[in-house]
């Protein structure tokens, strides 16, 4: 059973590295981003299929970046290329 779990993690890590990161500076306040509506969620995502939202137990919904930032959400480091990254 532990081997299956390790294999799943490896597959998920491979999936994450294949994702093309969106340049955070290329999206505006009115562009749609995706959030998990759960109370513990803290990030916004470029896609509703980002591995970062797979564990969401509530609704995943699209809102504007501006709305997400008003809710104190920050960019997901899986799907966004942040300023400090080259």
N, C-alpha and C. Protein backbone atom coordinates (compact mmCIF):
# COMPACT_ATOMS: atom_id res chain seq x y z
N UNK A 1 0.84 -1.19 0.00
CA UNK A 1 0.00 0.00 0.00
C UNK A 1 0.88 1.25 0.00
N UNK A 2 1.96 1.24 0.71
CA UNK A 2 2.86 2.39 0.74
C UNK A 2 3.46 2.64 -0.62
N UNK A 3 3.77 1.59 -1.36
CA UNK A 3 4.33 1.74 -2.70
C UNK A 3 3.34 2.42 -3.64
N UNK A 4 2.08 2.11 -3.51
CA UNK A 4 1.05 2.75 -4.33
C UNK A 4 1.01 4.23 -4.03
N UNK A 5 1.08 4.59 -2.77
CA UNK A 5 1.07 5.99 -2.37
C UNK A 5 2.28 6.73 -2.93
N UNK A 6 3.44 6.12 -2.85
CA UNK A 6 4.65 6.73 -3.39
C UNK A 6 4.52 6.91 -4.90
N UNK A 7 3.98 5.91 -5.58
CA UNK A 7 3.79 6.01 -7.03
C UNK A 7 2.85 7.16 -7.37
N UNK A 8 1.78 7.32 -6.61
CA UNK A 8 0.84 8.41 -6.86
C UNK A 8 1.52 9.75 -6.68
N UNK A 9 2.33 9.90 -5.66
CA UNK A 9 3.04 11.15 -5.45
C UNK A 9 3.97 11.44 -6.62
N UNK A 10 4.67 10.44 -7.09
CA UNK A 10 5.58 10.61 -8.20
C UNK A 10 4.81 11.05 -9.45
N UNK A 11 3.68 10.44 -9.73
CA UNK A 11 2.87 10.82 -10.89
C UNK A 11 2.38 12.25 -10.75
N UNK A 12 1.95 12.64 -9.56
CA UNK A 12 1.47 14.01 -9.35
C UNK A 12 2.62 15.00 -9.51
N UNK A 13 3.79 14.68 -9.00
CA UNK A 13 4.95 15.56 -9.16
C UNK A 13 5.31 15.72 -10.63
N UNK A 14 5.22 14.63 -11.39
CA UNK A 14 5.49 14.70 -12.83
C UNK A 14 4.48 15.59 -13.52
N UNK A 15 3.20 15.48 -13.13
CA UNK A 15 2.15 16.30 -13.69
C UNK A 15 2.42 17.78 -13.42
N UNK A 16 2.85 18.08 -12.20
CA UNK A 16 3.11 19.46 -11.83
C UNK A 16 4.27 20.04 -12.63
N UNK A 17 5.30 19.27 -12.88
CA UNK A 17 6.44 19.79 -13.61
C UNK A 17 6.12 19.98 -15.09
N UNK A 18 5.12 19.27 -15.62
CA UNK A 18 4.71 19.42 -17.01
C UNK A 18 3.84 20.66 -17.22
N UNK A 19 3.22 21.19 -16.16
CA UNK A 19 2.37 22.36 -16.30
C UNK A 19 3.19 23.56 -16.75
N UNK A 20 2.65 24.30 -17.69
CA UNK A 20 3.30 25.53 -18.12
C UNK A 20 2.85 26.63 -17.18
N UNK A 21 3.82 27.29 -16.57
CA UNK A 21 3.47 28.35 -15.62
C UNK A 21 3.10 29.63 -16.36
N UNK A 22 2.07 30.29 -15.85
CA UNK A 22 1.61 31.56 -16.40
C UNK A 22 2.39 32.66 -15.72
N UNK A 23 2.84 33.65 -16.49
CA UNK A 23 3.54 34.79 -15.91
C UNK A 23 2.52 35.61 -15.13
N UNK A 24 2.72 35.76 -13.84
CA UNK A 24 1.79 36.48 -12.98
C UNK A 24 1.59 37.92 -13.45
N UNK A 25 2.63 38.53 -14.02
CA UNK A 25 2.52 39.91 -14.49
C UNK A 25 1.65 40.03 -15.75
N UNK A 26 1.33 38.91 -16.38
CA UNK A 26 0.54 38.96 -17.61
C UNK A 26 -0.97 38.96 -17.36
N UNK A 27 -1.39 38.75 -16.13
CA UNK A 27 -2.83 38.76 -15.85
C UNK A 27 -3.20 40.04 -15.11
N UNK A 28 -4.39 40.56 -15.44
CA UNK A 28 -4.85 41.81 -14.85
C UNK A 28 -5.85 41.53 -13.74
N UNK A 29 -6.30 42.59 -13.10
CA UNK A 29 -7.27 42.45 -12.01
C UNK A 29 -8.61 41.91 -12.48
N UNK A 30 -8.92 42.06 -13.77
CA UNK A 30 -10.22 41.60 -14.26
C UNK A 30 -10.16 40.22 -14.91
N UNK A 31 -8.96 39.64 -15.02
CA UNK A 31 -8.84 38.29 -15.57
C UNK A 31 -9.38 37.26 -14.57
N UNK A 32 -9.92 36.17 -15.10
CA UNK A 32 -10.48 35.11 -14.26
C UNK A 32 -9.37 34.23 -13.69
N UNK A 33 -9.48 33.97 -12.41
CA UNK A 33 -8.62 33.00 -11.72
C UNK A 33 -9.56 32.04 -11.00
N UNK A 34 -9.01 30.97 -10.49
CA UNK A 34 -9.82 29.93 -9.85
C UNK A 34 -9.45 29.79 -8.39
N UNK A 35 -10.46 29.66 -7.53
CA UNK A 35 -10.22 29.49 -6.10
C UNK A 35 -11.05 28.32 -5.57
N UNK A 36 -10.56 27.75 -4.49
CA UNK A 36 -11.33 26.80 -3.70
C UNK A 36 -12.07 27.63 -2.66
N UNK A 37 -13.36 27.38 -2.48
CA UNK A 37 -14.15 28.17 -1.54
C UNK A 37 -14.02 27.68 -0.10
N UNK A 38 -13.21 26.68 0.14
CA UNK A 38 -12.99 26.17 1.50
C UNK A 38 -12.34 27.22 2.38
N UNK A 39 -12.61 27.18 3.67
CA UNK A 39 -12.12 28.19 4.60
C UNK A 39 -10.59 28.18 4.77
N UNK A 40 -9.95 27.06 4.48
CA UNK A 40 -8.49 26.97 4.65
C UNK A 40 -7.72 27.36 3.38
N UNK A 41 -8.43 27.55 2.26
CA UNK A 41 -7.77 27.85 0.98
C UNK A 41 -7.14 29.23 1.02
N UNK A 42 -5.93 29.36 0.45
CA UNK A 42 -5.19 30.61 0.51
C UNK A 42 -4.64 31.06 -0.85
N UNK A 43 -4.87 30.31 -1.91
CA UNK A 43 -4.26 30.60 -3.21
C UNK A 43 -5.32 30.80 -4.29
N UNK A 44 -4.90 31.48 -5.37
CA UNK A 44 -5.70 31.48 -6.59
C UNK A 44 -4.89 30.80 -7.68
N UNK A 45 -5.61 30.24 -8.65
CA UNK A 45 -5.00 29.36 -9.65
C UNK A 45 -5.34 29.82 -11.07
N UNK A 46 -4.49 29.47 -12.03
CA UNK A 46 -4.73 29.85 -13.42
C UNK A 46 -5.73 28.93 -14.09
N UNK A 47 -6.00 27.78 -13.50
CA UNK A 47 -6.90 26.79 -14.09
C UNK A 47 -7.63 26.03 -13.00
N UNK A 48 -8.84 25.62 -13.30
CA UNK A 48 -9.58 24.80 -12.32
C UNK A 48 -9.07 23.37 -12.28
N UNK A 49 -8.13 23.04 -13.16
CA UNK A 49 -7.55 21.70 -13.14
C UNK A 49 -6.14 21.68 -12.57
N UNK A 50 -5.70 22.78 -11.96
CA UNK A 50 -4.38 22.83 -11.33
C UNK A 50 -4.32 21.79 -10.21
N UNK A 51 -3.21 21.07 -10.10
CA UNK A 51 -3.07 20.10 -9.01
C UNK A 51 -3.25 20.73 -7.62
N UNK A 52 -3.05 22.03 -7.53
CA UNK A 52 -3.22 22.72 -6.25
C UNK A 52 -4.65 22.78 -5.77
N UNK A 53 -5.63 22.59 -6.65
CA UNK A 53 -7.03 22.59 -6.23
C UNK A 53 -7.63 21.19 -6.15
N UNK A 54 -6.82 20.17 -6.42
CA UNK A 54 -7.33 18.79 -6.39
C UNK A 54 -7.86 18.38 -5.02
N UNK A 55 -7.31 18.93 -3.96
CA UNK A 55 -7.74 18.52 -2.62
C UNK A 55 -8.89 19.39 -2.09
N UNK A 56 -9.41 20.27 -2.90
CA UNK A 56 -10.52 21.13 -2.47
C UNK A 56 -11.75 20.30 -2.18
N UNK A 57 -12.31 20.45 -0.99
CA UNK A 57 -13.51 19.71 -0.62
C UNK A 57 -14.78 20.54 -0.80
N UNK A 58 -14.62 21.80 -1.13
CA UNK A 58 -15.75 22.69 -1.39
C UNK A 58 -15.80 22.97 -2.89
N UNK A 59 -16.49 24.02 -3.27
CA UNK A 59 -16.62 24.39 -4.68
C UNK A 59 -15.36 25.08 -5.19
N UNK A 60 -14.98 24.79 -6.43
CA UNK A 60 -13.92 25.51 -7.11
C UNK A 60 -14.63 26.45 -8.08
N UNK A 61 -14.39 27.76 -7.93
CA UNK A 61 -15.11 28.70 -8.80
C UNK A 61 -14.19 29.77 -9.36
N UNK A 62 -14.60 30.32 -10.49
CA UNK A 62 -13.85 31.36 -11.15
C UNK A 62 -14.29 32.74 -10.66
N UNK A 63 -13.31 33.56 -10.31
CA UNK A 63 -13.56 34.95 -9.92
C UNK A 63 -12.44 35.80 -10.54
N UNK A 64 -12.54 37.10 -10.43
CA UNK A 64 -11.46 37.94 -10.97
C UNK A 64 -10.27 37.93 -10.03
N UNK A 65 -9.10 38.24 -10.59
CA UNK A 65 -7.89 38.31 -9.76
C UNK A 65 -8.09 39.35 -8.65
N UNK A 66 -8.70 40.47 -9.00
CA UNK A 66 -8.95 41.52 -8.00
C UNK A 66 -9.78 41.02 -6.83
N UNK A 67 -10.84 40.26 -7.13
CA UNK A 67 -11.68 39.68 -6.07
C UNK A 67 -10.87 38.70 -5.22
N UNK A 68 -10.05 37.89 -5.88
CA UNK A 68 -9.23 36.91 -5.16
C UNK A 68 -8.27 37.61 -4.21
N UNK A 69 -7.66 38.68 -4.67
CA UNK A 69 -6.71 39.40 -3.82
C UNK A 69 -7.43 40.11 -2.67
N UNK A 70 -8.66 40.57 -2.89
CA UNK A 70 -9.45 41.16 -1.80
C UNK A 70 -9.75 40.11 -0.73
N UNK A 71 -9.84 38.85 -1.16
CA UNK A 71 -10.07 37.75 -0.22
C UNK A 71 -8.75 37.25 0.38
N UNK A 72 -7.69 38.02 0.15
CA UNK A 72 -6.35 37.73 0.66
C UNK A 72 -5.77 36.43 0.12
N UNK A 73 -6.09 36.12 -1.13
CA UNK A 73 -5.52 34.96 -1.80
C UNK A 73 -4.26 35.40 -2.53
N UNK A 74 -3.27 34.54 -2.53
CA UNK A 74 -2.03 34.82 -3.27
C UNK A 74 -1.90 33.80 -4.40
N UNK A 75 -1.01 34.07 -5.33
CA UNK A 75 -0.85 33.23 -6.52
C UNK A 75 -0.28 31.85 -6.15
N UNK A 76 -0.82 30.84 -6.78
CA UNK A 76 -0.33 29.47 -6.64
C UNK A 76 1.06 29.36 -7.26
N UNK A 77 1.98 28.74 -6.56
CA UNK A 77 3.34 28.62 -7.10
C UNK A 77 3.48 27.42 -8.06
N UNK A 78 2.41 26.65 -8.23
CA UNK A 78 2.43 25.56 -9.21
C UNK A 78 2.09 26.12 -10.59
N UNK A 79 1.09 26.98 -10.66
CA UNK A 79 0.62 27.42 -11.98
C UNK A 79 1.04 28.83 -12.37
N UNK A 80 1.67 29.58 -11.48
CA UNK A 80 2.14 30.92 -11.83
C UNK A 80 3.65 31.04 -11.68
N UNK A 81 4.25 31.73 -12.63
CA UNK A 81 5.67 32.07 -12.54
C UNK A 81 5.70 33.41 -11.83
N UNK A 82 6.33 33.44 -10.67
CA UNK A 82 6.37 34.65 -9.85
C UNK A 82 7.53 35.53 -10.25
N UNK A 83 7.51 36.77 -9.87
CA UNK A 83 8.52 37.78 -10.25
C UNK A 83 9.95 37.33 -9.99
N UNK A 84 10.20 36.71 -8.83
CA UNK A 84 11.56 36.35 -8.48
C UNK A 84 12.10 35.15 -9.25
N UNK A 85 11.22 34.39 -9.95
CA UNK A 85 11.67 33.26 -10.74
C UNK A 85 12.19 33.75 -12.08
N UNK A 86 13.19 33.06 -12.62
CA UNK A 86 13.74 33.45 -13.92
C UNK A 86 13.16 32.64 -15.03
